[in-house]
Amino acid sequence: MNADELFDDIAEKLALRGATAGAMFGKRALMANGKAFACLKDDDLAFRLGAETSAHSAALSLAGATLFDPSGKKRPFKDWVAVPVDHEDQWLRLADIAFDALFTTRGPN
């Protein structure tokens, strides 16, 4: 599967929990409560995990993962981690964590 197909699969699974497909910065995104928690850019899926959380640190430790810089102008979002398609086996788990973080008091703002 390519990155778009993987995104579609994750969107379908998380729709059962109330997530919707939308757009962020002209990119495909997953939303809940009007906030994006995942965003597809090229072959990376970025997740809003919250800076300094264990999930954020673990995602950043994956080979090729970086802080998400949607503009490409070296202004990354500190709460977001872009994970390459090479780690597609982690995408659904990370999307679940990012989705759940929207509903916790300690989740990303």
N, C-alpha and C. Protein backbone atom coordinates (compact mmCIF):
# COMPACT_ATOMS: atom_id res chain seq x y z
N MET A 1 0.83 -1.19 0.00
CA MET A 1 0.00 0.00 0.00
C MET A 1 0.87 1.25 0.00
N ASN A 2 0.40 2.29 -0.68
CA ASN A 2 1.14 3.55 -0.64
C ASN A 2 0.63 4.40 0.53
N ALA A 3 1.26 5.55 0.75
CA ALA A 3 0.94 6.38 1.91
C ALA A 3 -0.52 6.84 1.89
N ASP A 4 -1.05 7.20 0.71
CA ASP A 4 -2.45 7.63 0.63
C ASP A 4 -3.41 6.51 0.99
N GLU A 5 -3.13 5.31 0.53
CA GLU A 5 -3.98 4.17 0.85
C GLU A 5 -3.92 3.84 2.35
N LEU A 6 -2.73 3.93 2.92
CA LEU A 6 -2.59 3.70 4.36
C LEU A 6 -3.36 4.75 5.15
N PHE A 7 -3.28 6.00 4.71
CA PHE A 7 -4.03 7.07 5.36
C PHE A 7 -5.52 6.77 5.30
N ASP A 8 -6.01 6.36 4.13
CA ASP A 8 -7.43 6.03 3.98
C ASP A 8 -7.85 4.91 4.93
N ASP A 9 -6.99 3.92 5.06
CA ASP A 9 -7.29 2.79 5.95
C ASP A 9 -7.38 3.26 7.41
N ILE A 10 -6.44 4.08 7.82
CA ILE A 10 -6.45 4.60 9.19
C ILE A 10 -7.66 5.50 9.40
N ALA A 11 -7.98 6.35 8.41
CA ALA A 11 -9.14 7.23 8.52
C ALA A 11 -10.42 6.42 8.69
N GLU A 12 -10.53 5.34 7.95
CA GLU A 12 -11.72 4.48 8.05
C GLU A 12 -11.83 3.86 9.44
N LYS A 13 -10.72 3.38 9.96
CA LYS A 13 -10.73 2.75 11.28
C LYS A 13 -11.05 3.76 12.38
N LEU A 14 -10.48 4.95 12.29
CA LEU A 14 -10.70 5.95 13.33
C LEU A 14 -12.04 6.66 13.19
N ALA A 15 -12.67 6.56 12.03
CA ALA A 15 -14.02 7.12 11.86
C ALA A 15 -14.99 6.46 12.83
N LEU A 16 -14.74 5.20 13.14
CA LEU A 16 -15.57 4.49 14.10
C LEU A 16 -15.49 5.12 15.49
N ARG A 17 -14.43 5.85 15.75
CA ARG A 17 -14.24 6.51 17.05
C ARG A 17 -14.61 7.99 16.99
N GLY A 18 -15.02 8.47 15.81
CA GLY A 18 -15.45 9.87 15.69
C GLY A 18 -14.50 10.77 14.94
N ALA A 19 -13.41 10.24 14.42
CA ALA A 19 -12.48 11.06 13.64
C ALA A 19 -13.05 11.31 12.25
N THR A 20 -12.67 12.44 11.68
CA THR A 20 -13.09 12.77 10.32
C THR A 20 -11.88 13.16 9.49
N ALA A 21 -12.01 13.00 8.19
CA ALA A 21 -10.96 13.42 7.27
C ALA A 21 -11.15 14.91 6.99
N GLY A 22 -10.06 15.62 6.89
CA GLY A 22 -10.11 17.04 6.61
C GLY A 22 -8.81 17.48 5.97
N ALA A 23 -8.49 18.75 6.13
CA ALA A 23 -7.26 19.29 5.55
C ALA A 23 -6.58 20.22 6.54
N MET A 24 -5.26 20.22 6.46
CA MET A 24 -4.44 21.12 7.26
C MET A 24 -3.29 21.56 6.37
N PHE A 25 -3.14 22.85 6.17
CA PHE A 25 -2.10 23.39 5.30
C PHE A 25 -2.16 22.79 3.89
N GLY A 26 -3.38 22.49 3.43
CA GLY A 26 -3.56 21.92 2.10
C GLY A 26 -3.20 20.45 2.01
N LYS A 27 -2.94 19.83 3.13
CA LYS A 27 -2.59 18.41 3.18
C LYS A 27 -3.75 17.63 3.79
N ARG A 28 -3.82 16.36 3.47
CA ARG A 28 -4.85 15.50 4.07
C ARG A 28 -4.57 15.35 5.56
N ALA A 29 -5.65 15.45 6.35
CA ALA A 29 -5.49 15.38 7.80
C ALA A 29 -6.63 14.59 8.42
N LEU A 30 -6.39 14.12 9.62
CA LEU A 30 -7.41 13.50 10.45
C LEU A 30 -7.74 14.47 11.56
N MET A 31 -9.04 14.65 11.80
CA MET A 31 -9.51 15.66 12.73
C MET A 31 -10.46 15.05 13.77
N ALA A 32 -10.54 15.71 14.90
CA ALA A 32 -11.53 15.39 15.93
C ALA A 32 -11.75 16.66 16.73
N ASN A 33 -12.99 16.93 17.06
CA ASN A 33 -13.32 18.15 17.81
C ASN A 33 -12.76 19.40 17.14
N GLY A 34 -12.71 19.41 15.82
CA GLY A 34 -12.23 20.57 15.09
C GLY A 34 -10.72 20.76 15.08
N LYS A 35 -9.99 19.78 15.62
CA LYS A 35 -8.53 19.89 15.68
C LYS A 35 -7.89 18.73 14.92
N ALA A 36 -6.82 19.05 14.21
CA ALA A 36 -6.07 18.01 13.51
C ALA A 36 -5.19 17.26 14.50
N PHE A 37 -5.10 15.95 14.29
CA PHE A 37 -4.20 15.16 15.13
C PHE A 37 -3.24 14.32 14.29
N ALA A 38 -3.46 14.27 12.99
CA ALA A 38 -2.55 13.57 12.07
C ALA A 38 -2.62 14.28 10.72
N CYS A 39 -1.49 14.34 10.03
CA CYS A 39 -1.43 15.06 8.76
C CYS A 39 -0.46 14.33 7.82
N LEU A 40 -0.93 14.06 6.61
CA LEU A 40 -0.11 13.36 5.62
C LEU A 40 0.64 14.38 4.77
N LYS A 41 1.94 14.26 4.73
CA LYS A 41 2.78 15.10 3.87
C LYS A 41 3.74 14.19 3.13
N ASP A 42 3.52 14.10 1.83
CA ASP A 42 4.31 13.20 1.00
C ASP A 42 4.17 11.77 1.53
N ASP A 43 5.27 11.14 1.89
CA ASP A 43 5.21 9.76 2.40
C ASP A 43 5.39 9.69 3.91
N ASP A 44 5.17 10.81 4.59
CA ASP A 44 5.23 10.85 6.05
C ASP A 44 3.84 11.12 6.59
N LEU A 45 3.52 10.48 7.69
CA LEU A 45 2.31 10.83 8.42
C LEU A 45 2.77 11.44 9.74
N ALA A 46 2.33 12.67 9.96
CA ALA A 46 2.72 13.40 11.17
C ALA A 46 1.62 13.25 12.20
N PHE A 47 2.03 13.14 13.45
CA PHE A 47 1.11 12.92 14.55
C PHE A 47 1.33 13.98 15.62
N ARG A 48 0.25 14.51 16.14
CA ARG A 48 0.31 15.48 17.23
C ARG A 48 0.32 14.71 18.55
N LEU A 49 1.51 14.48 19.06
CA LEU A 49 1.68 13.62 20.22
C LEU A 49 1.96 14.38 21.52
N GLY A 50 2.29 15.64 21.39
CA GLY A 50 2.60 16.43 22.59
C GLY A 50 4.08 16.36 22.90
N ALA A 51 4.73 17.51 22.87
CA ALA A 51 6.17 17.57 23.16
C ALA A 51 6.45 17.01 24.53
N GLU A 52 7.54 16.32 24.64
CA GLU A 52 8.03 15.76 25.89
C GLU A 52 7.18 14.63 26.47
N THR A 53 6.27 14.06 25.65
CA THR A 53 5.56 12.87 26.10
C THR A 53 6.38 11.65 25.70
N SER A 54 6.10 10.54 26.33
CA SER A 54 6.84 9.32 25.98
C SER A 54 6.52 8.89 24.55
N ALA A 55 5.28 9.08 24.10
CA ALA A 55 4.93 8.72 22.73
C ALA A 55 5.69 9.58 21.72
N HIS A 56 5.84 10.86 22.03
CA HIS A 56 6.59 11.79 21.18
C HIS A 56 8.05 11.35 21.08
N SER A 57 8.65 11.05 22.21
CA SER A 57 10.05 10.61 22.23
C SER A 57 10.23 9.31 21.47
N ALA A 58 9.32 8.37 21.68
CA ALA A 58 9.42 7.07 20.99
C ALA A 58 9.27 7.24 19.49
N ALA A 59 8.33 8.08 19.07
CA ALA A 59 8.14 8.31 17.63
C ALA A 59 9.38 8.97 17.02
N LEU A 60 9.94 9.94 17.72
CA LEU A 60 11.15 10.61 17.21
C LEU A 60 12.35 9.68 17.12
N SER A 61 12.34 8.61 17.90
CA SER A 61 13.47 7.68 17.87
C SER A 61 13.42 6.74 16.67
N LEU A 62 12.31 6.72 15.94
CA LEU A 62 12.21 5.87 14.75
C LEU A 62 13.10 6.43 13.65
N ALA A 63 13.77 5.57 12.93
CA ALA A 63 14.67 5.99 11.86
C ALA A 63 13.93 6.85 10.84
N GLY A 64 14.46 8.04 10.58
CA GLY A 64 13.88 8.94 9.59
C GLY A 64 12.80 9.86 10.13
N ALA A 65 12.35 9.64 11.36
CA ALA A 65 11.31 10.50 11.95
C ALA A 65 11.91 11.85 12.31
N THR A 66 11.11 12.90 12.15
CA THR A 66 11.56 14.26 12.45
C THR A 66 10.40 15.04 13.03
N LEU A 67 10.71 16.19 13.61
CA LEU A 67 9.65 17.10 13.98
C LEU A 67 8.97 17.54 12.69
N PHE A 68 7.66 17.68 12.72
CA PHE A 68 6.86 18.01 11.54
C PHE A 68 7.04 19.48 11.17
N ASP A 69 7.46 19.71 9.95
CA ASP A 69 7.67 21.05 9.41
C ASP A 69 6.81 21.19 8.16
N PRO A 70 5.53 21.52 8.32
CA PRO A 70 4.62 21.52 7.18
C PRO A 70 5.00 22.51 6.09
N SER A 71 5.63 23.62 6.45
CA SER A 71 5.99 24.63 5.45
C SER A 71 7.31 24.32 4.76
N GLY A 72 8.12 23.47 5.38
CA GLY A 72 9.44 23.19 4.83
C GLY A 72 10.41 24.35 5.00
N LYS A 73 10.09 25.28 5.89
CA LYS A 73 10.92 26.47 6.09
C LYS A 73 11.67 26.44 7.42
N LYS A 74 11.94 25.24 7.89
CA LYS A 74 12.68 25.04 9.14
C LYS A 74 12.00 25.71 10.33
N ARG A 75 10.65 25.54 10.38
CA ARG A 75 9.86 26.00 11.52
C ARG A 75 8.98 24.83 11.98
N PRO A 76 9.60 23.80 12.55
CA PRO A 76 8.83 22.61 12.92
C PRO A 76 7.90 22.87 14.09
N PHE A 77 6.85 22.08 14.13
CA PHE A 77 5.90 22.10 15.24
C PHE A 77 6.45 21.18 16.33
N LYS A 78 6.63 21.69 17.52
CA LYS A 78 7.27 20.92 18.59
C LYS A 78 6.42 19.75 19.08
N ASP A 79 5.08 19.84 18.92
CA ASP A 79 4.20 18.77 19.39
C ASP A 79 4.02 17.64 18.38
N TRP A 80 4.48 17.84 17.17
CA TRP A 80 4.21 16.91 16.08
C TRP A 80 5.47 16.16 15.65
N VAL A 81 5.28 14.88 15.31
CA VAL A 81 6.37 14.06 14.79
C VAL A 81 5.92 13.47 13.45
N ALA A 82 6.74 13.67 12.42
CA ALA A 82 6.49 13.09 11.09
C ALA A 82 7.21 11.75 11.01
N VAL A 83 6.44 10.71 10.73
CA VAL A 83 6.97 9.35 10.70
C VAL A 83 6.89 8.82 9.27
N PRO A 84 8.03 8.39 8.71
CA PRO A 84 8.04 7.92 7.33
C PRO A 84 7.22 6.65 7.12
N VAL A 85 6.80 6.46 5.88
CA VAL A 85 6.01 5.28 5.52
C VAL A 85 6.76 3.98 5.81
N ASP A 86 8.08 4.05 5.92
CA ASP A 86 8.86 2.87 6.29
C ASP A 86 8.39 2.26 7.62
N HIS A 87 7.75 3.09 8.44
CA HIS A 87 7.24 2.65 9.74
C HIS A 87 5.71 2.59 9.73
N GLU A 88 5.15 2.21 8.60
CA GLU A 88 3.69 2.15 8.47
C GLU A 88 3.05 1.26 9.53
N ASP A 89 3.81 0.29 10.02
CA ASP A 89 3.27 -0.60 11.05
C ASP A 89 3.03 0.14 12.37
N GLN A 90 3.57 1.34 12.51
CA GLN A 90 3.39 2.16 13.71
C GLN A 90 2.30 3.21 13.54
N TRP A 91 1.89 3.47 12.31
CA TRP A 91 0.99 4.59 12.04
C TRP A 91 -0.34 4.50 12.78
N LEU A 92 -1.01 3.38 12.73
CA LEU A 92 -2.32 3.28 13.39
C LEU A 92 -2.18 3.47 14.90
N ARG A 93 -1.18 2.87 15.49
CA ARG A 93 -0.95 3.01 16.94
C ARG A 93 -0.70 4.47 17.29
N LEU A 94 0.13 5.14 16.53
CA LEU A 94 0.42 6.55 16.80
C LEU A 94 -0.80 7.44 16.56
N ALA A 95 -1.59 7.10 15.54
CA ALA A 95 -2.83 7.86 15.29
C ALA A 95 -3.79 7.69 16.46
N ASP A 96 -3.89 6.49 17.00
CA ASP A 96 -4.73 6.25 18.17
C ASP A 96 -4.27 7.10 19.36
N ILE A 97 -2.97 7.14 19.58
CA ILE A 97 -2.42 7.92 20.69
C ILE A 97 -2.71 9.40 20.49
N ALA A 98 -2.49 9.90 19.27
CA ALA A 98 -2.73 11.32 18.98
C ALA A 98 -4.22 11.65 19.12
N PHE A 99 -5.09 10.76 18.67
CA PHE A 99 -6.53 10.95 18.81
C PHE A 99 -6.90 11.03 20.30
N ASP A 100 -6.42 10.08 21.07
CA ASP A 100 -6.74 10.05 22.50
C ASP A 100 -6.22 11.30 23.22
N ALA A 101 -5.06 11.82 22.78
CA ALA A 101 -4.46 12.99 23.43
C ALA A 101 -5.36 14.22 23.31
N LEU A 102 -6.20 14.28 22.29
CA LEU A 102 -7.11 15.40 22.14
C LEU A 102 -8.15 15.45 23.25
N PHE A 103 -8.40 14.32 23.89
CA PHE A 103 -9.46 14.21 24.87
C PHE A 103 -8.95 14.13 26.32
N THR A 104 -7.66 14.30 26.49
CA THR A 104 -7.09 14.28 27.83
C THR A 104 -6.67 15.69 28.22
N THR A 105 -6.63 15.95 29.49
CA THR A 105 -6.26 17.28 29.96
C THR A 105 -4.78 17.56 29.74
N ARG A 106 -3.99 16.52 29.60
CA ARG A 106 -2.55 16.72 29.39
C ARG A 106 -2.17 16.58 27.94
N GLY A 107 -3.13 16.43 27.05
CA GLY A 107 -2.86 16.28 25.62
C GLY A 107 -2.37 17.57 25.01
N PRO A 108 -1.98 17.51 23.74
CA PRO A 108 -1.49 18.71 23.06
C PRO A 108 -2.58 19.75 22.95
N ASN A 109 -2.20 21.01 23.00
CA ASN A 109 -3.15 22.12 22.88
C ASN A 109 -3.51 22.41 21.45
